[in-house]
Amino acid sequence: MKIILDINEKSRIPFFLELIKSLDYVKVISEVEDKHKSLLINDLAEAFNDVRLHEQGKKKLKSAKELLHEL
């Protein structure tokens, strides 16, 4: 399972990372500090969540035709 976190207080980040790294069942894959990359990752995670909800029948997504029609 992948989890994306946004930590608002920069002073707390070192403590949090140390805590996470001390857990043998958690692997820190990447730390993103670039605001632009962070927004892209957030958008991508939201899109994956939308697809998951669509597959579960909990959200209706637009078809490609509907998207093209809007343009």
N, C-alpha and C. Protein backbone atom coordinates (compact mmCIF):
# COMPACT_ATOMS: atom_id res chain seq x y z
N MET A 1 0.85 -1.17 0.00
CA MET A 1 0.00 0.00 0.00
C MET A 1 0.89 1.23 0.00
N LYS A 2 0.50 2.20 -0.79
CA LYS A 2 1.22 3.47 -0.88
C LYS A 2 0.36 4.54 -0.22
N ILE A 3 1.01 5.40 0.55
CA ILE A 3 0.33 6.51 1.21
C ILE A 3 1.11 7.77 0.93
N ILE A 4 0.42 8.82 0.52
CA ILE A 4 1.05 10.11 0.27
C ILE A 4 0.63 11.04 1.40
N LEU A 5 1.61 11.66 2.03
CA LEU A 5 1.34 12.57 3.14
C LEU A 5 1.80 13.97 2.80
N ASP A 6 1.10 14.95 3.32
CA ASP A 6 1.51 16.34 3.19
C ASP A 6 1.71 16.87 4.61
N ILE A 7 2.96 17.15 4.97
CA ILE A 7 3.26 17.63 6.31
C ILE A 7 3.43 19.14 6.23
N ASN A 8 2.56 19.87 6.90
CA ASN A 8 2.53 21.32 6.80
C ASN A 8 3.59 22.02 7.66
N GLU A 9 3.96 21.44 8.76
CA GLU A 9 4.94 22.07 9.64
C GLU A 9 6.33 21.52 9.34
N LYS A 10 7.15 22.33 8.67
CA LYS A 10 8.48 21.87 8.27
C LYS A 10 9.33 21.46 9.45
N SER A 11 9.12 22.08 10.60
CA SER A 11 9.93 21.75 11.78
C SER A 11 9.66 20.34 12.28
N ARG A 12 8.51 19.78 11.94
CA ARG A 12 8.13 18.43 12.39
C ARG A 12 8.60 17.32 11.45
N ILE A 13 9.01 17.68 10.24
CA ILE A 13 9.37 16.68 9.23
C ILE A 13 10.51 15.76 9.67
N PRO A 14 11.63 16.27 10.18
CA PRO A 14 12.71 15.35 10.59
C PRO A 14 12.27 14.33 11.64
N PHE A 15 11.49 14.78 12.63
CA PHE A 15 11.00 13.85 13.65
C PHE A 15 10.11 12.78 13.03
N PHE A 16 9.19 13.22 12.17
CA PHE A 16 8.26 12.28 11.54
C PHE A 16 9.01 11.25 10.70
N LEU A 17 9.98 11.71 9.89
CA LEU A 17 10.74 10.79 9.06
C LEU A 17 11.54 9.80 9.90
N GLU A 18 12.11 10.27 10.97
CA GLU A 18 12.86 9.37 11.87
C GLU A 18 11.93 8.32 12.46
N LEU A 19 10.75 8.75 12.85
CA LEU A 19 9.76 7.82 13.40
C LEU A 19 9.37 6.78 12.36
N ILE A 20 9.05 7.21 11.16
CA ILE A 20 8.64 6.30 10.09
C ILE A 20 9.77 5.31 9.75
N LYS A 21 10.98 5.83 9.63
CA LYS A 21 12.12 4.97 9.25
C LYS A 21 12.45 3.95 10.34
N SER A 22 12.02 4.20 11.57
CA SER A 22 12.30 3.26 12.66
C SER A 22 11.38 2.03 12.61
N LEU A 23 10.31 2.12 11.83
CA LEU A 23 9.39 1.00 11.71
C LEU A 23 9.89 0.04 10.64
N ASP A 24 10.09 -1.22 10.99
CA ASP A 24 10.67 -2.17 10.04
C ASP A 24 9.73 -2.54 8.90
N TYR A 25 8.46 -2.26 9.02
CA TYR A 25 7.50 -2.60 7.97
C TYR A 25 7.17 -1.43 7.04
N VAL A 26 7.89 -0.29 7.21
CA VAL A 26 7.67 0.89 6.37
C VAL A 26 8.96 1.20 5.64
N LYS A 27 8.84 1.47 4.34
CA LYS A 27 9.99 1.85 3.52
C LYS A 27 9.71 3.22 2.91
N VAL A 28 10.57 4.18 3.19
CA VAL A 28 10.42 5.50 2.60
C VAL A 28 11.03 5.43 1.21
N ILE A 29 10.21 5.58 0.19
CA ILE A 29 10.65 5.44 -1.19
C ILE A 29 11.22 6.76 -1.70
N SER A 30 10.54 7.84 -1.39
CA SER A 30 10.93 9.12 -1.96
C SER A 30 10.41 10.25 -1.10
N GLU A 31 11.15 11.34 -1.07
CA GLU A 31 10.71 12.56 -0.40
C GLU A 31 10.66 13.64 -1.47
N VAL A 32 9.53 14.31 -1.61
CA VAL A 32 9.36 15.33 -2.64
C VAL A 32 9.25 16.69 -1.96
N GLU A 33 10.18 17.57 -2.30
CA GLU A 33 10.15 18.91 -1.73
C GLU A 33 9.73 19.96 -2.76
N ASP A 34 9.87 19.65 -4.02
CA ASP A 34 9.50 20.58 -5.09
C ASP A 34 7.98 20.74 -5.12
N LYS A 35 7.50 21.97 -4.99
CA LYS A 35 6.06 22.24 -4.91
C LYS A 35 5.33 21.79 -6.18
N HIS A 36 5.94 22.02 -7.35
CA HIS A 36 5.32 21.62 -8.62
C HIS A 36 5.17 20.10 -8.71
N LYS A 37 6.23 19.38 -8.37
CA LYS A 37 6.17 17.91 -8.40
C LYS A 37 5.17 17.41 -7.37
N SER A 38 5.13 18.05 -6.24
CA SER A 38 4.19 17.66 -5.19
C SER A 38 2.75 17.78 -5.67
N LEU A 39 2.44 18.86 -6.37
CA LEU A 39 1.09 19.05 -6.90
C LEU A 39 0.75 18.00 -7.96
N LEU A 40 1.74 17.69 -8.82
CA LEU A 40 1.51 16.66 -9.84
C LEU A 40 1.24 15.30 -9.20
N ILE A 41 2.01 14.96 -8.18
CA ILE A 41 1.82 13.68 -7.49
C ILE A 41 0.45 13.64 -6.83
N ASN A 42 0.05 14.75 -6.23
CA ASN A 42 -1.26 14.83 -5.60
C ASN A 42 -2.38 14.64 -6.63
N ASP A 43 -2.25 15.29 -7.78
CA ASP A 43 -3.25 15.15 -8.84
C ASP A 43 -3.32 13.71 -9.35
N LEU A 44 -2.16 13.09 -9.51
CA LEU A 44 -2.12 11.71 -9.98
C LEU A 44 -2.76 10.76 -8.96
N ALA A 45 -2.46 10.96 -7.69
CA ALA A 45 -3.06 10.13 -6.64
C ALA A 45 -4.58 10.30 -6.63
N GLU A 46 -5.05 11.52 -6.82
CA GLU A 46 -6.49 11.78 -6.87
C GLU A 46 -7.12 11.08 -8.08
N ALA A 47 -6.43 11.09 -9.21
CA ALA A 47 -6.95 10.42 -10.40
C ALA A 47 -7.05 8.91 -10.18
N PHE A 48 -6.03 8.33 -9.56
CA PHE A 48 -6.07 6.89 -9.27
C PHE A 48 -7.21 6.57 -8.31
N ASN A 49 -7.42 7.44 -7.35
CA ASN A 49 -8.52 7.23 -6.41
C ASN A 49 -9.86 7.31 -7.13
N ASP A 50 -10.01 8.24 -8.06
CA ASP A 50 -11.24 8.35 -8.85
C ASP A 50 -11.49 7.07 -9.65
N VAL A 51 -10.44 6.52 -10.24
CA VAL A 51 -10.58 5.27 -11.02
C VAL A 51 -11.00 4.13 -10.11
N ARG A 52 -10.39 4.06 -8.92
CA ARG A 52 -10.74 3.00 -7.97
C ARG A 52 -12.21 3.12 -7.57
N LEU A 53 -12.66 4.34 -7.28
CA LEU A 53 -14.06 4.55 -6.92
C LEU A 53 -14.99 4.21 -8.08
N HIS A 54 -14.58 4.53 -9.30
CA HIS A 54 -15.37 4.19 -10.48
C HIS A 54 -15.51 2.67 -10.63
N GLU A 55 -14.41 1.96 -10.42
CA GLU A 55 -14.44 0.50 -10.52
C GLU A 55 -15.34 -0.11 -9.46
N GLN A 56 -15.46 0.55 -8.31
CA GLN A 56 -16.33 0.06 -7.24
C GLN A 56 -17.78 0.50 -7.43
N GLY A 57 -18.03 1.29 -8.49
CA GLY A 57 -19.37 1.76 -8.76
C GLY A 57 -19.80 2.93 -7.89
N LYS A 58 -18.85 3.59 -7.25
CA LYS A 58 -19.17 4.69 -6.35
C LYS A 58 -19.01 6.06 -6.99
N LYS A 59 -18.47 6.10 -8.20
CA LYS A 59 -18.27 7.38 -8.88
C LYS A 59 -18.44 7.18 -10.38
N LYS A 60 -19.13 8.13 -11.01
CA LYS A 60 -19.32 8.08 -12.46
C LYS A 60 -18.27 8.98 -13.11
N LEU A 61 -17.49 8.43 -14.01
CA LEU A 61 -16.49 9.19 -14.74
C LEU A 61 -17.01 9.49 -16.15
N LYS A 62 -16.50 10.56 -16.73
CA LYS A 62 -16.89 10.93 -18.09
C LYS A 62 -16.19 10.02 -19.09
N SER A 63 -16.88 9.76 -20.18
CA SER A 63 -16.28 8.98 -21.26
C SER A 63 -15.37 9.89 -22.08
N ALA A 64 -14.55 9.31 -22.94
CA ALA A 64 -13.68 10.09 -23.83
C ALA A 64 -14.51 10.97 -24.74
N LYS A 65 -15.65 10.46 -25.20
CA LYS A 65 -16.54 11.24 -26.06
C LYS A 65 -17.04 12.47 -25.32
N GLU A 66 -17.44 12.30 -24.07
CA GLU A 66 -17.93 13.43 -23.27
C GLU A 66 -16.83 14.48 -23.07
N LEU A 67 -15.62 14.03 -22.84
CA LEU A 67 -14.50 14.96 -22.66
C LEU A 67 -14.22 15.73 -23.95
N LEU A 68 -14.21 15.03 -25.08
CA LEU A 68 -13.97 15.70 -26.36
C LEU A 68 -15.09 16.66 -26.70
N HIS A 69 -16.31 16.29 -26.36
CA HIS A 69 -17.46 17.16 -26.63
C HIS A 69 -17.35 18.47 -25.86
N GLU A 70 -16.77 18.45 -24.66
CA GLU A 70 -16.60 19.66 -23.86
C GLU A 70 -15.60 20.62 -24.51
N LEU A 71 -14.66 20.09 -25.25
CA LEU A 71 -13.66 20.95 -25.89
C LEU A 71 -14.26 21.67 -27.05
